[in-house]
Amino acid sequence: MKIAALQSPLYWQDREANLAYFSDLIDSLGEVDLLVLPEMFTTGFSMAPEQIAEPADGPSLRWLRDMSQQHNIAITGSVAVEENGNYYNRLYWVSPEGENHYDKHHLFRMAGEHKHYTAGNERKIIEYRGFRLCLQVCYDLRFPVFCRNRNDYDVLIFVANWPEPRRHAWSSLLTARAIENQSYVIGVNRVGEDGNGINYSGDSVILDYLGQPLAQTTAHTPAILTAELSLPELQSFREKFPAHLDADEFELRKG
């Protein structure tokens, strides 16, 4: 499966400008199976959902459907969504075969996200072209229990607006998640400065199941990362080094 990850700046709270920007990038991509966009790719990481949130079947989802059908690819990226009176940081998954979504579970309290958005409680695993993919958003990266591989996924995806001062944590935790879960990991972060004056270095990466980079990019610059993921190679490694058989049992509780 061929992956493309878009590390990009974002126009602050300007959906139309961001969608136009990404439309041009996607048209230039060539043939890929999966495209991964940053967190809140239509607005930047904004704590003003009453201004930016879309209905559950809003323009960004319709755009994702259109891009997916035009280019015969799966696309995932998160958007601020309003549904039944609540706001969610919702990671959409749209492919020619269907669509799904994951609502961010761990809300970033240091920015007050928990005061503006409602947390989701459900892990989401997507099956696509032979792979099982686990969807996660930004701050989820710091909580390994929630994204622990229970032999139920092959690829772990994190979309983010992860600030530059914590870039070491971003890179280190992505590597740890790949190694401990014996999984490919895709980490896609934005670059540039947002409307609150916060800088983002990007440091997007696609890692193999050993935590080694298949694709990475220079910090602070827009970039398109591409890599091929091999399911037979992953399965062969897990058979030779079945650490998952010794994993501790645990149970997630909704809260």
C-alpha atoms as a PDB file:
ATOM      1  CA  MET A   1       0.000   0.000   0.000  1.00  0.00           C
ATOM      2  CA  LYS A   2       1.400   3.376  -0.992  1.00  0.00           C
ATOM      3  CA  ILE A   3       1.048   6.175   1.560  1.00  0.00           C
ATOM      4  CA  ALA A   4       1.248   9.929   0.999  1.00  0.00           C
ATOM      5  CA  ALA A   5       1.433  12.234   4.028  1.00  0.00           C
ATOM      6  CA  LEU A   6       1.025  15.999   3.592  1.00  0.00           C
ATOM      7  CA  GLN A   7       3.011  18.184   5.983  1.00  0.00           C
ATOM      8  CA  SER A   8       1.665  21.660   5.345  1.00  0.00           C
ATOM      9  CA  PRO A   9       0.925  25.104   6.739  1.00  0.00           C
ATOM     10  CA  LEU A  10      -2.728  25.890   7.419  1.00  0.00           C
ATOM     11  CA  TYR A  11      -4.714  29.055   6.779  1.00  0.00           C
ATOM     12  CA  TRP A  12      -6.130  30.135  10.154  1.00  0.00           C
ATOM     13  CA  GLN A  13      -9.866  29.399  10.422  1.00  0.00           C
ATOM     14  CA  ASP A  14     -10.264  29.620   6.617  1.00  0.00           C
ATOM     15  CA  ARG A  15     -11.868  26.460   5.288  1.00  0.00           C
ATOM     16  CA  GLU A  16     -12.143  27.565   1.671  1.00  0.00           C
ATOM     17  CA  ALA A  17      -8.460  28.557   1.437  1.00  0.00           C
ATOM     18  CA  ASN A  18      -7.290  25.282   2.997  1.00  0.00           C
ATOM     19  CA  LEU A  19      -9.486  23.123   0.785  1.00  0.00           C
ATOM     20  CA  ALA A  20      -8.267  24.941  -2.314  1.00  0.00           C
ATOM     21  CA  TYR A  21      -4.658  24.484  -1.188  1.00  0.00           C
ATOM     22  CA  PHE A  22      -5.073  20.758  -0.569  1.00  0.00           C
ATOM     23  CA  SER A  23      -7.017  20.261  -3.793  1.00  0.00           C
ATOM     24  CA  ASP A  24      -4.031  21.529  -5.776  1.00  0.00           C
ATOM     25  CA  LEU A  25      -1.637  19.292  -3.839  1.00  0.00           C
ATOM     26  CA  ILE A  26      -3.775  16.198  -4.330  1.00  0.00           C
ATOM     27  CA  ASP A  27      -4.054  16.839  -8.058  1.00  0.00           C
ATOM     28  CA  SER A  28      -0.245  16.743  -8.237  1.00  0.00           C
ATOM     29  CA  LEU A  29       0.261  13.562  -6.225  1.00  0.00           C
ATOM     30  CA  GLY A  30       0.129  10.773  -8.734  1.00  0.00           C
ATOM     31  CA  GLU A  31      -1.061   7.300  -7.792  1.00  0.00           C
ATOM     32  CA  VAL A  32      -1.350   6.504  -4.066  1.00  0.00           C
ATOM     33  CA  ASP A  33      -3.648   4.351  -1.925  1.00  0.00           C
ATOM     34  CA  LEU A  34      -3.932   6.500   1.212  1.00  0.00           C
ATOM     35  CA  LEU A  35      -3.507  10.229   1.827  1.00  0.00           C
ATOM     36  CA  VAL A  36      -3.077  11.537   5.390  1.00  0.00           C
ATOM     37  CA  LEU A  37      -3.776  15.207   6.223  1.00  0.00           C
ATOM     38  CA  PRO A  38      -3.004  17.070   9.506  1.00  0.00           C
ATOM     39  CA  GLU A  39      -5.326  17.587  12.464  1.00  0.00           C
ATOM     40  CA  MET A  40      -8.040  20.231  11.870  1.00  0.00           C
ATOM     41  CA  PHE A  41      -6.733  20.596   8.339  1.00  0.00           C
ATOM     42  CA  THR A  42      -9.440  23.077   7.339  1.00  0.00           C
ATOM     43  CA  THR A  43      -8.911  25.587  10.180  1.00  0.00           C
ATOM     44  CA  GLY A  44      -5.867  24.932  12.328  1.00  0.00           C
ATOM     45  CA  PHE A  45      -6.173  23.881  15.981  1.00  0.00           C
ATOM     46  CA  SER A  46      -8.831  26.377  17.058  1.00  0.00           C
ATOM     47  CA  MET A  47     -10.669  26.589  20.376  1.00  0.00           C
ATOM     48  CA  ALA A  48     -13.534  28.499  18.754  1.00  0.00           C
ATOM     49  CA  PRO A  49     -15.740  25.640  17.546  1.00  0.00           C
ATOM     50  CA  GLU A  50     -18.815  27.851  17.595  1.00  0.00           C
ATOM     51  CA  GLN A  51     -17.168  29.773  14.723  1.00  0.00           C
ATOM     52  CA  ILE A  52     -15.541  26.982  12.727  1.00  0.00           C
ATOM     53  CA  ALA A  53     -17.439  23.736  13.378  1.00  0.00           C
ATOM     54  CA  GLU A  54     -19.355  22.107  10.546  1.00  0.00           C
ATOM     55  CA  PRO A  55     -22.434  19.907  10.658  1.00  0.00           C
ATOM     56  CA  ALA A  56     -21.748  16.189  10.567  1.00  0.00           C
ATOM     57  CA  ASP A  57     -22.366  16.108   6.799  1.00  0.00           C
ATOM     58  CA  GLY A  58     -20.638  19.419   6.134  1.00  0.00           C
ATOM     59  CA  PRO A  59     -18.533  20.852   3.309  1.00  0.00           C
ATOM     60  CA  SER A  60     -15.230  19.282   4.375  1.00  0.00           C
ATOM     61  CA  LEU A  61     -16.721  15.787   4.407  1.00  0.00           C
ATOM     62  CA  ARG A  62     -18.258  16.400   1.002  1.00  0.00           C
ATOM     63  CA  TRP A  63     -14.867  17.591  -0.248  1.00  0.00           C
ATOM     64  CA  LEU A  64     -13.199  14.453   1.122  1.00  0.00           C
ATOM     65  CA  ARG A  65     -15.756  12.310  -0.693  1.00  0.00           C
ATOM     66  CA  ASP A  66     -15.157  14.179  -3.920  1.00  0.00           C
ATOM     67  CA  MET A  67     -11.362  13.866  -3.685  1.00  0.00           C
ATOM     68  CA  SER A  68     -11.598  10.197  -2.786  1.00  0.00           C
ATOM     69  CA  GLN A  69     -13.799   9.389  -5.769  1.00  0.00           C
ATOM     70  CA  GLN A  70     -11.825  11.526  -8.212  1.00  0.00           C
ATOM     71  CA  HIS A  71      -8.476   9.983  -7.319  1.00  0.00           C
ATOM     72  CA  ASN A  72      -9.564   6.513  -6.135  1.00  0.00           C
ATOM     73  CA  ILE A  73      -7.837   6.917  -2.783  1.00  0.00           C
ATOM     74  CA  ALA A  74      -8.612   6.854   0.909  1.00  0.00           C
ATOM     75  CA  ILE A  75      -8.188  10.186   2.700  1.00  0.00           C
ATOM     76  CA  THR A  76      -8.082  10.901   6.419  1.00  0.00           C
ATOM     77  CA  GLY A  77      -7.829  14.183   8.339  1.00  0.00           C
ATOM     78  CA  SER A  78      -9.639  15.804  11.245  1.00  0.00           C
ATOM     79  CA  VAL A  79     -12.227  18.598  11.269  1.00  0.00           C
ATOM     80  CA  ALA A  80     -14.188  20.463  13.957  1.00  0.00           C
ATOM     81  CA  VAL A  81     -17.738  19.083  13.831  1.00  0.00           C
ATOM     82  CA  GLU A  82     -20.994  19.969  15.604  1.00  0.00           C
ATOM     83  CA  GLU A  83     -23.439  17.138  16.222  1.00  0.00           C
ATOM     84  CA  ASN A  84     -26.423  17.014  18.571  1.00  0.00           C
ATOM     85  CA  GLY A  85     -25.299  20.143  20.371  1.00  0.00           C
ATOM     86  CA  ASN A  86     -21.740  18.894  21.000  1.00  0.00           C
ATOM     87  CA  TYR A  87     -18.466  19.774  19.269  1.00  0.00           C
ATOM     88  CA  TYR A  88     -15.983  17.071  18.266  1.00  0.00           C
ATOM     89  CA  ASN A  89     -12.453  16.999  16.887  1.00  0.00           C
ATOM     90  CA  ARG A  90     -13.441  14.390  14.327  1.00  0.00           C
ATOM     91  CA  LEU A  91     -11.005  12.384  12.235  1.00  0.00           C
ATOM     92  CA  TYR A  92     -12.780  11.429   9.034  1.00  0.00           C
ATOM     93  CA  TRP A  93     -11.878   8.377   6.992  1.00  0.00           C
ATOM     94  CA  VAL A  94     -13.211   8.416   3.444  1.00  0.00           C
ATOM     95  CA  SER A  95     -12.431   5.861   0.733  1.00  0.00           C
ATOM     96  CA  PRO A  96     -14.112   4.676  -2.477  1.00  0.00           C
ATOM     97  CA  GLU A  97     -15.314   1.660  -0.468  1.00  0.00           C
ATOM     98  CA  GLY A  98     -16.993   3.694   2.285  1.00  0.00           C
ATOM     99  CA  GLU A  99     -16.421   6.083   5.173  1.00  0.00           C
ATOM    100  CA  ASN A 100     -16.068   6.186   8.948  1.00  0.00           C
ATOM    101  CA  HIS A 101     -14.818   8.540  11.655  1.00  0.00           C
ATOM    102  CA  TYR A 102     -13.019   8.667  14.990  1.00  0.00           C
ATOM    103  CA  ASP A 103     -13.687  11.370  17.595  1.00  0.00           C
ATOM    104  CA  LYS A 104     -10.521  12.408  19.445  1.00  0.00           C
ATOM    105  CA  HIS A 105     -10.473  10.721  22.842  1.00  0.00           C
ATOM    106  CA  HIS A 106      -7.743  12.610  24.716  1.00  0.00           C
ATOM    107  CA  LEU A 107      -8.488  16.329  24.603  1.00  0.00           C
ATOM    108  CA  PHE A 108      -5.535  18.656  25.140  1.00  0.00           C
ATOM    109  CA  ARG A 109      -6.402  20.330  28.434  1.00  0.00           C
ATOM    110  CA  MET A 110      -3.353  22.627  28.368  1.00  0.00           C
ATOM    111  CA  ALA A 111      -5.035  24.464  25.484  1.00  0.00           C
ATOM    112  CA  GLY A 112      -8.516  24.107  27.008  1.00  0.00           C
ATOM    113  CA  GLU A 113      -9.683  21.653  24.361  1.00  0.00           C
ATOM    114  CA  HIS A 114     -11.664  19.729  26.977  1.00  0.00           C
ATOM    115  CA  LYS A 115     -13.697  22.894  27.686  1.00  0.00           C
ATOM    116  CA  HIS A 116     -14.762  23.332  24.075  1.00  0.00           C
ATOM    117  CA  TYR A 117     -14.991  19.819  22.613  1.00  0.00           C
ATOM    118  CA  THR A 118     -16.537  16.521  23.672  1.00  0.00           C
ATOM    119  CA  ALA A 119     -14.262  13.491  23.914  1.00  0.00           C
ATOM    120  CA  GLY A 120     -14.984  10.357  21.936  1.00  0.00           C
ATOM    121  CA  ASN A 121     -14.799   7.013  23.728  1.00  0.00           C
ATOM    122  CA  GLU A 122     -14.440   4.474  20.932  1.00  0.00           C
ATOM    123  CA  ARG A 123     -11.229   3.165  19.387  1.00  0.00           C
ATOM    124  CA  LYS A 124     -11.623   2.942  15.656  1.00  0.00           C
ATOM    125  CA  ILE A 125      -9.995   0.313  13.423  1.00  0.00           C
ATOM    126  CA  ILE A 126     -10.490   0.581   9.667  1.00  0.00           C
ATOM    127  CA  GLU A 127      -9.935  -2.235   7.163  1.00  0.00           C
ATOM    128  CA  TYR A 128      -8.623  -1.058   3.826  1.00  0.00           C
ATOM    129  CA  ARG A 129      -6.934  -2.942   0.992  1.00  0.00           C
ATOM    130  CA  GLY A 130      -5.812  -5.769   3.250  1.00  0.00           C
ATOM    131  CA  PHE A 131      -4.522  -3.565   6.091  1.00  0.00           C
ATOM    132  CA  ARG A 132      -6.096  -2.775   9.455  1.00  0.00           C
ATOM    133  CA  LEU A 133      -5.543   0.861  10.448  1.00  0.00           C
ATOM    134  CA  CYS A 134      -6.025   2.461  13.877  1.00  0.00           C
ATOM    135  CA  LEU A 135      -7.033   6.144  13.815  1.00  0.00           C
ATOM    136  CA  GLN A 136      -5.668   8.533  16.454  1.00  0.00           C
ATOM    137  CA  VAL A 137      -5.370  12.319  16.890  1.00  0.00           C
ATOM    138  CA  CYS A 138      -2.418  14.320  18.287  1.00  0.00           C
ATOM    139  CA  TYR A 139      -2.567  14.210  22.130  1.00  0.00           C
ATOM    140  CA  ASP A 140      -3.686  10.543  21.949  1.00  0.00           C
ATOM    141  CA  LEU A 141      -0.018   9.828  21.208  1.00  0.00           C
ATOM    142  CA  ARG A 142       0.895  10.369  24.879  1.00  0.00           C
ATOM    143  CA  PHE A 143      -1.408   7.575  26.110  1.00  0.00           C
ATOM    144  CA  PRO A 144      -0.069   4.166  25.052  1.00  0.00           C
ATOM    145  CA  VAL A 145      -2.795   2.084  26.685  1.00  0.00           C
ATOM    146  CA  PHE A 146      -5.547   3.525  24.502  1.00  0.00           C
ATOM    147  CA  CYS A 147      -3.644   2.823  21.298  1.00  0.00           C
ATOM    148  CA  ARG A 148      -2.081  -0.479  22.397  1.00  0.00           C
ATOM    149  CA  ASN A 149      -2.131  -3.055  19.634  1.00  0.00           C
ATOM    150  CA  ARG A 150      -4.228  -6.023  20.690  1.00  0.00           C
ATOM    151  CA  ASN A 151      -3.333  -7.817  17.492  1.00  0.00           C
ATOM    152  CA  ASP A 152      -6.117  -5.826  15.842  1.00  0.00           C
ATOM    153  CA  TYR A 153      -4.232  -3.389  13.589  1.00  0.00           C
ATOM    154  CA  ASP A 154      -1.229  -3.113  11.273  1.00  0.00           C
ATOM    155  CA  VAL A 155      -0.926   0.660  10.843  1.00  0.00           C
ATOM    156  CA  LEU A 156      -1.239   3.347  13.529  1.00  0.00           C
ATOM    157  CA  ILE A 157      -2.085   6.844  12.263  1.00  0.00           C
ATOM    158  CA  PHE A 158      -1.595  10.086  14.196  1.00  0.00           C
ATOM    159  CA  VAL A 159      -2.694  13.404  12.702  1.00  0.00           C
ATOM    160  CA  ALA A 160      -1.548  16.437  14.660  1.00  0.00           C
ATOM    161  CA  ASN A 161      -1.036  20.120  15.332  1.00  0.00           C
ATOM    162  CA  TRP A 162       1.918  19.418  17.664  1.00  0.00           C
ATOM    163  CA  PRO A 163       3.823  22.593  18.693  1.00  0.00           C
ATOM    164  CA  GLU A 164       7.529  23.028  18.062  1.00  0.00           C
ATOM    165  CA  PRO A 165       8.620  23.260  21.751  1.00  0.00           C
ATOM    166  CA  ARG A 166       7.556  19.618  22.231  1.00  0.00           C
ATOM    167  CA  ARG A 167       8.974  18.251  18.978  1.00  0.00           C
ATOM    168  CA  HIS A 168      11.334  15.858  20.815  1.00  0.00           C
ATOM    169  CA  ALA A 169       8.352  14.239  22.555  1.00  0.00           C
ATOM    170  CA  TRP A 170       6.508  13.939  19.220  1.00  0.00           C
ATOM    171  CA  SER A 171       9.355  12.133  17.478  1.00  0.00           C
ATOM    172  CA  SER A 172      10.266   9.964  20.466  1.00  0.00           C
ATOM    173  CA  LEU A 173       6.713   8.819  21.163  1.00  0.00           C
ATOM    174  CA  LEU A 174       6.012   7.987  17.529  1.00  0.00           C
ATOM    175  CA  THR A 175       9.080   5.748  17.498  1.00  0.00           C
ATOM    176  CA  ALA A 176       8.025   4.114  20.764  1.00  0.00           C
ATOM    177  CA  ARG A 177       4.511   3.437  19.497  1.00  0.00           C
ATOM    178  CA  ALA A 178       5.901   1.700  16.384  1.00  0.00           C
ATOM    179  CA  ILE A 179       8.287  -0.510  18.363  1.00  0.00           C
ATOM    180  CA  GLU A 180       5.957  -1.467  21.206  1.00  0.00           C
ATOM    181  CA  ASN A 181       3.015  -2.189  18.901  1.00  0.00           C
ATOM    182  CA  GLN A 182       5.016  -3.880  16.119  1.00  0.00           C
ATOM    183  CA  SER A 183       3.139  -1.677  13.712  1.00  0.00           C
ATOM    184  CA  TYR A 184       3.725   0.800  10.940  1.00  0.00           C
ATOM    185  CA  VAL A 185       3.203   4.339  12.257  1.00  0.00           C
ATOM    186  CA  ILE A 186       2.242   7.416  10.239  1.00  0.00           C
ATOM    187  CA  GLY A 187       2.648  10.738  12.056  1.00  0.00           C
ATOM    188  CA  VAL A 188       1.506  13.838  10.164  1.00  0.00           C
ATOM    189  CA  ASN A 189       1.991  17.271  11.706  1.00  0.00           C
ATOM    190  CA  ARG A 190       1.512  20.782  10.334  1.00  0.00           C
ATOM    191  CA  VAL A 191       4.125  23.510   9.892  1.00  0.00           C
ATOM    192  CA  GLY A 192       3.989  27.293  10.188  1.00  0.00           C
ATOM    193  CA  GLU A 193       2.426  29.629  12.736  1.00  0.00           C
ATOM    194  CA  ASP A 194      -1.225  29.566  13.766  1.00  0.00           C
ATOM    195  CA  GLY A 195      -3.544  32.426  14.686  1.00  0.00           C
ATOM    196  CA  ASN A 196      -2.431  32.231  18.319  1.00  0.00           C
ATOM    197  CA  GLY A 197       1.232  32.726  17.415  1.00  0.00           C
ATOM    198  CA  ILE A 198       2.128  29.069  18.074  1.00  0.00           C
ATOM    199  CA  ASN A 199       4.812  27.571  15.824  1.00  0.00           C
ATOM    200  CA  TYR A 200       4.803  24.046  14.438  1.00  0.00           C
ATOM    201  CA  SER A 201       7.910  22.290  13.143  1.00  0.00           C
ATOM    202  CA  GLY A 202       6.217  19.394  11.355  1.00  0.00           C
ATOM    203  CA  ASP A 203       8.651  16.502  11.832  1.00  0.00           C
ATOM    204  CA  SER A 204       6.205  14.237  10.024  1.00  0.00           C
ATOM    205  CA  VAL A 205       7.357  10.671   9.510  1.00  0.00           C
ATOM    206  CA  ILE A 206       6.348   7.238   8.272  1.00  0.00           C
ATOM    207  CA  LEU A 207       7.920   4.492  10.412  1.00  0.00           C
ATOM    208  CA  ASP A 208       8.184   0.763   9.975  1.00  0.00           C
ATOM    209  CA  TYR A 209       7.417  -1.795  12.705  1.00  0.00           C
ATOM    210  CA  LEU A 210      10.997  -1.467  14.036  1.00  0.00           C
ATOM    211  CA  GLY A 211      10.625   2.264  14.524  1.00  0.00           C
ATOM    212  CA  GLN A 212      12.876   3.015  11.553  1.00  0.00           C
ATOM    213  CA  PRO A 213      11.883   5.799   9.148  1.00  0.00           C
ATOM    214  CA  LEU A 214      10.597   4.852   5.717  1.00  0.00           C
ATOM    215  CA  ALA A 215      10.079   8.546   4.969  1.00  0.00           C
ATOM    216  CA  GLN A 216      10.810  11.696   6.928  1.00  0.00           C
ATOM    217  CA  THR A 217      11.194  15.365   6.182  1.00  0.00           C
ATOM    218  CA  THR A 218      13.093  18.486   7.080  1.00  0.00           C
ATOM    219  CA  ALA A 219      11.422  20.450   9.851  1.00  0.00           C
ATOM    220  CA  HIS A 220       9.514  23.670   9.184  1.00  0.00           C
ATOM    221  CA  THR A 221       9.019  23.093   5.446  1.00  0.00           C
ATOM    222  CA  PRO A 222       5.923  21.901   3.562  1.00  0.00           C
ATOM    223  CA  ALA A 223       6.508  18.394   2.247  1.00  0.00           C
ATOM    224  CA  ILE A 224       4.868  15.340   0.749  1.00  0.00           C
ATOM    225  CA  LEU A 225       6.112  12.087   2.269  1.00  0.00           C
ATOM    226  CA  THR A 226       5.541   8.823   0.438  1.00  0.00           C
ATOM    227  CA  ALA A 227       6.269   5.232   1.397  1.00  0.00           C
ATOM    228  CA  GLU A 228       5.233   1.697   0.517  1.00  0.00           C
ATOM    229  CA  LEU A 229       3.930  -0.509   3.332  1.00  0.00           C
ATOM    230  CA  SER A 230       4.287  -4.280   3.018  1.00  0.00           C
ATOM    231  CA  LEU A 231       1.834  -6.489   4.856  1.00  0.00           C
ATOM    232  CA  PRO A 232       3.783  -9.740   4.166  1.00  0.00           C
ATOM    233  CA  GLU A 233       6.957  -8.198   5.627  1.00  0.00           C
ATOM    234  CA  LEU A 234       5.081  -7.058   8.721  1.00  0.00           C
ATOM    235  CA  GLN A 235       3.451 -10.451   9.206  1.00  0.00           C
ATOM    236  CA  SER A 236       6.788 -12.234   8.764  1.00  0.00           C
ATOM    237  CA  PHE A 237       8.417 -10.062  11.415  1.00  0.00           C
ATOM    238  CA  ARG A 238       5.578 -10.648  13.884  1.00  0.00           C
ATOM    239  CA  GLU A 239       5.870 -14.408  13.355  1.00  0.00           C
ATOM    240  CA  LYS A 240       9.607 -14.352  14.003  1.00  0.00           C
ATOM    241  CA  PHE A 241       9.339 -11.998  16.999  1.00  0.00           C
ATOM    242  CA  PRO A 242       5.888 -12.563  18.540  1.00  0.00           C
ATOM    243  CA  ALA A 243       6.208 -10.196  21.496  1.00  0.00           C
ATOM    244  CA  HIS A 244       2.452  -9.670  21.455  1.00  0.00           C
ATOM    245  CA  LEU A 245       2.019 -13.159  22.910  1.00  0.00           C
ATOM    246  CA  ASP A 246       3.572 -11.916  26.164  1.00  0.00           C
ATOM    247  CA  ALA A 247       1.590  -8.673  26.397  1.00  0.00           C
ATOM    248  CA  ASP A 248      -0.257  -7.860  29.623  1.00  0.00           C
ATOM    249  CA  GLU A 249      -4.017  -8.221  29.697  1.00  0.00           C
ATOM    250  CA  PHE A 250      -6.003  -5.066  30.341  1.00  0.00           C
ATOM    251  CA  GLU A 251      -9.458  -3.584  29.880  1.00  0.00           C
ATOM    252  CA  LEU A 252     -10.331  -0.089  28.731  1.00  0.00           C
ATOM    253  CA  ARG A 253     -13.147   1.620  30.628  1.00  0.00           C
ATOM    254  CA  LYS A 254     -15.183   4.386  29.125  1.00  0.00           C
ATOM    255  CA  GLY A 255     -14.968   7.586  31.093  1.00  0.00           C
END
